[in-house]
Amino acid sequence: MSKIFFVLWPSFVVAGIAEAVFFTFFSPQDLFLFGHPLTLSAIATYSIGFFCFWIMCGLSSYATCFFQRSAKSINDETIAHTTPTA
């Protein structure tokens, strides 16, 4: 359970920073999606942007945790899945 917090909390903080930086340079009214201007309110655009940043940062944090595993834990997991049970 603590690994979930190792992924979600840092990605939440970085997503907040990324959103602040992104929307400092770009106004929600100036954004286009597939060639059409966004017709959402500014709050909706900020919220969707935050969740998109949070998902991207969460995937990055998860990849870090995934690739941080030791060779022993990966091999033990592989052996447990390939050993036939009676």
N, C-alpha and C. Protein backbone atom coordinates (compact mmCIF):
# COMPACT_ATOMS: atom_id res chain seq x y z
N MET A 1 0.82 -1.20 0.00
CA MET A 1 0.00 0.00 0.00
C MET A 1 0.86 1.26 0.00
N SER A 2 2.01 1.19 0.65
CA SER A 2 2.86 2.38 0.71
C SER A 2 3.45 2.72 -0.66
N LYS A 3 3.60 1.70 -1.54
CA LYS A 3 4.13 1.98 -2.87
C LYS A 3 3.18 2.86 -3.67
N ILE A 4 1.90 2.74 -3.40
CA ILE A 4 0.92 3.60 -4.08
C ILE A 4 1.18 5.05 -3.72
N PHE A 5 1.48 5.30 -2.45
CA PHE A 5 1.76 6.67 -2.03
C PHE A 5 3.10 7.16 -2.57
N PHE A 6 4.05 6.23 -2.77
CA PHE A 6 5.33 6.60 -3.37
C PHE A 6 5.15 7.06 -4.81
N VAL A 7 4.08 6.62 -5.44
CA VAL A 7 3.79 7.02 -6.82
C VAL A 7 2.88 8.23 -6.85
N LEU A 8 1.78 8.19 -6.11
CA LEU A 8 0.76 9.23 -6.23
C LEU A 8 1.16 10.58 -5.63
N TRP A 9 1.81 10.58 -4.48
CA TRP A 9 2.11 11.86 -3.84
C TRP A 9 3.12 12.69 -4.63
N PRO A 10 4.28 12.15 -5.02
CA PRO A 10 5.21 12.97 -5.80
C PRO A 10 4.63 13.39 -7.14
N SER A 11 3.86 12.50 -7.77
CA SER A 11 3.28 12.86 -9.06
C SER A 11 2.23 13.95 -8.90
N PHE A 12 1.52 13.97 -7.78
CA PHE A 12 0.56 15.03 -7.49
C PHE A 12 1.26 16.38 -7.37
N VAL A 13 2.35 16.40 -6.62
CA VAL A 13 3.09 17.65 -6.41
C VAL A 13 3.68 18.16 -7.74
N VAL A 14 4.29 17.27 -8.50
CA VAL A 14 4.91 17.68 -9.76
C VAL A 14 3.83 18.10 -10.77
N ALA A 15 2.67 17.44 -10.76
CA ALA A 15 1.58 17.83 -11.65
C ALA A 15 1.09 19.24 -11.32
N GLY A 16 1.04 19.57 -10.05
CA GLY A 16 0.65 20.93 -9.66
C GLY A 16 1.65 21.97 -10.16
N ILE A 17 2.92 21.65 -10.04
CA ILE A 17 3.96 22.56 -10.53
C ILE A 17 3.90 22.66 -12.06
N ALA A 18 3.74 21.53 -12.73
CA ALA A 18 3.68 21.53 -14.19
C ALA A 18 2.49 22.32 -14.70
N GLU A 19 1.35 22.19 -14.02
CA GLU A 19 0.18 22.94 -14.43
C GLU A 19 0.39 24.44 -14.25
N ALA A 20 0.98 24.82 -13.13
CA ALA A 20 1.24 26.24 -12.88
C ALA A 20 2.17 26.82 -13.94
N VAL A 21 3.21 26.07 -14.28
CA VAL A 21 4.15 26.55 -15.29
C VAL A 21 3.48 26.60 -16.66
N PHE A 22 2.74 25.55 -17.03
CA PHE A 22 2.10 25.50 -18.34
C PHE A 22 1.09 26.63 -18.52
N PHE A 23 0.23 26.83 -17.53
CA PHE A 23 -0.81 27.85 -17.67
C PHE A 23 -0.30 29.26 -17.38
N THR A 24 0.95 29.37 -16.97
CA THR A 24 1.57 30.69 -16.91
C THR A 24 1.86 31.19 -18.33
N PHE A 25 2.21 30.26 -19.21
CA PHE A 25 2.56 30.62 -20.58
C PHE A 25 1.38 30.53 -21.56
N PHE A 26 0.39 29.69 -21.26
CA PHE A 26 -0.73 29.49 -22.17
C PHE A 26 -2.05 29.76 -21.46
N SER A 27 -2.90 30.54 -22.08
CA SER A 27 -4.22 30.83 -21.54
C SER A 27 -5.19 29.73 -21.98
N PRO A 28 -6.12 29.32 -21.13
CA PRO A 28 -7.08 28.29 -21.53
C PRO A 28 -7.92 28.68 -22.76
N GLN A 29 -8.14 29.95 -22.97
CA GLN A 29 -8.92 30.40 -24.12
C GLN A 29 -8.12 30.30 -25.43
N ASP A 30 -6.80 30.21 -25.34
CA ASP A 30 -5.95 30.15 -26.53
C ASP A 30 -5.61 28.72 -26.96
N LEU A 31 -6.13 27.72 -26.26
CA LEU A 31 -5.80 26.33 -26.57
C LEU A 31 -6.73 25.76 -27.64
N PHE A 32 -6.18 24.89 -28.46
CA PHE A 32 -6.95 24.23 -29.51
C PHE A 32 -6.84 22.72 -29.34
N LEU A 33 -7.90 22.00 -29.68
CA LEU A 33 -7.91 20.55 -29.63
C LEU A 33 -8.38 20.05 -30.98
N PHE A 34 -7.50 19.36 -31.70
CA PHE A 34 -7.78 18.85 -33.04
C PHE A 34 -8.21 19.96 -33.99
N GLY A 35 -7.58 21.12 -33.87
CA GLY A 35 -7.85 22.23 -34.77
C GLY A 35 -9.04 23.10 -34.40
N HIS A 36 -9.73 22.76 -33.32
CA HIS A 36 -10.89 23.54 -32.89
C HIS A 36 -10.60 24.17 -31.52
N PRO A 37 -11.02 25.40 -31.31
CA PRO A 37 -10.78 26.02 -30.00
C PRO A 37 -11.58 25.32 -28.90
N LEU A 38 -10.99 25.28 -27.72
CA LEU A 38 -11.69 24.68 -26.59
C LEU A 38 -12.84 25.57 -26.16
N THR A 39 -13.99 24.97 -25.94
CA THR A 39 -15.16 25.74 -25.52
C THR A 39 -15.47 25.51 -24.05
N LEU A 40 -14.56 24.87 -23.33
CA LEU A 40 -14.75 24.61 -21.91
C LEU A 40 -14.45 25.87 -21.10
N SER A 41 -14.97 25.90 -19.89
CA SER A 41 -14.65 27.02 -19.00
C SER A 41 -13.18 26.93 -18.58
N ALA A 42 -12.67 28.02 -18.04
CA ALA A 42 -11.26 28.04 -17.62
C ALA A 42 -11.03 27.03 -16.49
N ILE A 43 -11.96 26.92 -15.55
CA ILE A 43 -11.81 25.97 -14.43
C ILE A 43 -11.79 24.54 -14.96
N ALA A 44 -12.65 24.22 -15.92
CA ALA A 44 -12.66 22.87 -16.49
C ALA A 44 -11.36 22.58 -17.21
N THR A 45 -10.83 23.56 -17.93
CA THR A 45 -9.57 23.39 -18.63
C THR A 45 -8.42 23.18 -17.65
N TYR A 46 -8.40 23.96 -16.57
CA TYR A 46 -7.37 23.78 -15.54
C TYR A 46 -7.48 22.39 -14.91
N SER A 47 -8.69 21.94 -14.63
CA SER A 47 -8.89 20.64 -13.99
C SER A 47 -8.46 19.50 -14.90
N ILE A 48 -8.88 19.54 -16.15
CA ILE A 48 -8.49 18.50 -17.10
C ILE A 48 -6.99 18.51 -17.30
N GLY A 49 -6.41 19.69 -17.40
CA GLY A 49 -4.96 19.80 -17.54
C GLY A 49 -4.23 19.21 -16.35
N PHE A 50 -4.72 19.50 -15.15
CA PHE A 50 -4.09 18.95 -13.95
C PHE A 50 -4.14 17.44 -13.95
N PHE A 51 -5.30 16.87 -14.26
CA PHE A 51 -5.40 15.41 -14.24
C PHE A 51 -4.55 14.77 -15.34
N CYS A 52 -4.43 15.41 -16.48
CA CYS A 52 -3.54 14.90 -17.53
C CYS A 52 -2.08 14.92 -17.08
N PHE A 53 -1.67 16.04 -16.46
CA PHE A 53 -0.31 16.12 -15.92
C PHE A 53 -0.10 15.07 -14.82
N TRP A 54 -1.12 14.87 -13.98
CA TRP A 54 -1.01 13.91 -12.88
C TRP A 54 -0.84 12.49 -13.42
N ILE A 55 -1.59 12.15 -14.46
CA ILE A 55 -1.48 10.83 -15.06
C ILE A 55 -0.07 10.64 -15.65
N MET A 56 0.42 11.63 -16.38
CA MET A 56 1.76 11.51 -16.98
C MET A 56 2.83 11.40 -15.90
N CYS A 57 2.73 12.21 -14.86
CA CYS A 57 3.72 12.15 -13.79
C CYS A 57 3.59 10.85 -12.99
N GLY A 58 2.37 10.36 -12.82
CA GLY A 58 2.16 9.09 -12.12
C GLY A 58 2.77 7.93 -12.88
N LEU A 59 2.61 7.92 -14.20
CA LEU A 59 3.23 6.87 -15.01
C LEU A 59 4.75 6.92 -14.91
N SER A 60 5.28 8.13 -14.87
CA SER A 60 6.72 8.28 -14.72
C SER A 60 7.20 7.77 -13.36
N SER A 61 6.49 8.10 -12.30
CA SER A 61 6.85 7.64 -10.96
C SER A 61 6.72 6.12 -10.85
N TYR A 62 5.66 5.58 -11.47
CA TYR A 62 5.48 4.13 -11.44
C TYR A 62 6.61 3.43 -12.19
N ALA A 63 7.01 3.98 -13.33
CA ALA A 63 8.12 3.39 -14.09
C ALA A 63 9.40 3.40 -13.26
N THR A 64 9.62 4.46 -12.50
CA THR A 64 10.80 4.52 -11.63
C THR A 64 10.75 3.42 -10.59
N CYS A 65 9.60 3.24 -9.94
CA CYS A 65 9.46 2.18 -8.93
C CYS A 65 9.61 0.79 -9.57
N PHE A 66 9.06 0.63 -10.77
CA PHE A 66 9.13 -0.67 -11.44
C PHE A 66 10.56 -1.03 -11.80
N PHE A 67 11.31 -0.09 -12.34
CA PHE A 67 12.67 -0.37 -12.78
C PHE A 67 13.67 -0.35 -11.62
N GLN A 68 13.25 0.03 -10.45
CA GLN A 68 14.11 0.08 -9.29
C GLN A 68 14.22 -1.28 -8.59
N ARG A 69 13.40 -2.23 -8.99
CA ARG A 69 13.40 -3.54 -8.34
C ARG A 69 14.74 -4.24 -8.55
N SER A 70 15.10 -5.06 -7.58
CA SER A 70 16.37 -5.79 -7.68
C SER A 70 16.20 -7.01 -8.57
N ALA A 71 17.30 -7.53 -9.05
CA ALA A 71 17.27 -8.71 -9.90
C ALA A 71 16.72 -9.91 -9.12
N LYS A 72 17.04 -10.00 -7.84
CA LYS A 72 16.55 -11.12 -7.02
C LYS A 72 15.04 -11.10 -6.93
N SER A 73 14.45 -9.94 -6.71
CA SER A 73 12.98 -9.89 -6.59
C SER A 73 12.31 -10.21 -7.92
N ILE A 74 12.91 -9.81 -9.02
CA ILE A 74 12.35 -10.13 -10.34
C ILE A 74 12.45 -11.63 -10.60
N ASN A 75 13.61 -12.22 -10.30
CA ASN A 75 13.79 -13.65 -10.51
C ASN A 75 12.90 -14.47 -9.60
N ASP A 76 12.75 -14.07 -8.34
CA ASP A 76 11.86 -14.79 -7.42
C ASP A 76 10.42 -14.75 -7.92
N GLU A 77 10.01 -13.61 -8.43
CA GLU A 77 8.66 -13.47 -8.95
C GLU A 77 8.45 -14.36 -10.18
N THR A 78 9.46 -14.44 -11.06
CA THR A 78 9.38 -15.27 -12.26
C THR A 78 9.32 -16.73 -11.90
N ILE A 79 10.13 -17.15 -10.95
CA ILE A 79 10.14 -18.55 -10.53
C ILE A 79 8.79 -18.93 -9.90
N ALA A 80 8.21 -18.03 -9.12
CA ALA A 80 6.93 -18.32 -8.48
C ALA A 80 5.82 -18.48 -9.51
N HIS A 81 5.90 -17.76 -10.61
CA HIS A 81 4.85 -17.84 -11.64
C HIS A 81 5.05 -19.04 -12.58
N THR A 82 6.27 -19.52 -12.71
CA THR A 82 6.53 -20.61 -13.65
C THR A 82 6.59 -21.98 -13.00
N THR A 83 6.62 -22.04 -11.67
CA THR A 83 6.67 -23.32 -10.96
C THR A 83 5.27 -23.93 -10.96
N PRO A 84 5.16 -25.17 -11.48
CA PRO A 84 3.83 -25.80 -11.49
C PRO A 84 3.40 -26.18 -10.07
N THR A 85 2.13 -26.05 -9.81
CA THR A 85 1.59 -26.43 -8.51
C THR A 85 0.93 -27.79 -8.62
N ALA A 86 0.89 -28.50 -7.53
CA ALA A 86 0.35 -29.88 -7.54
C ALA A 86 -1.14 -29.90 -7.54
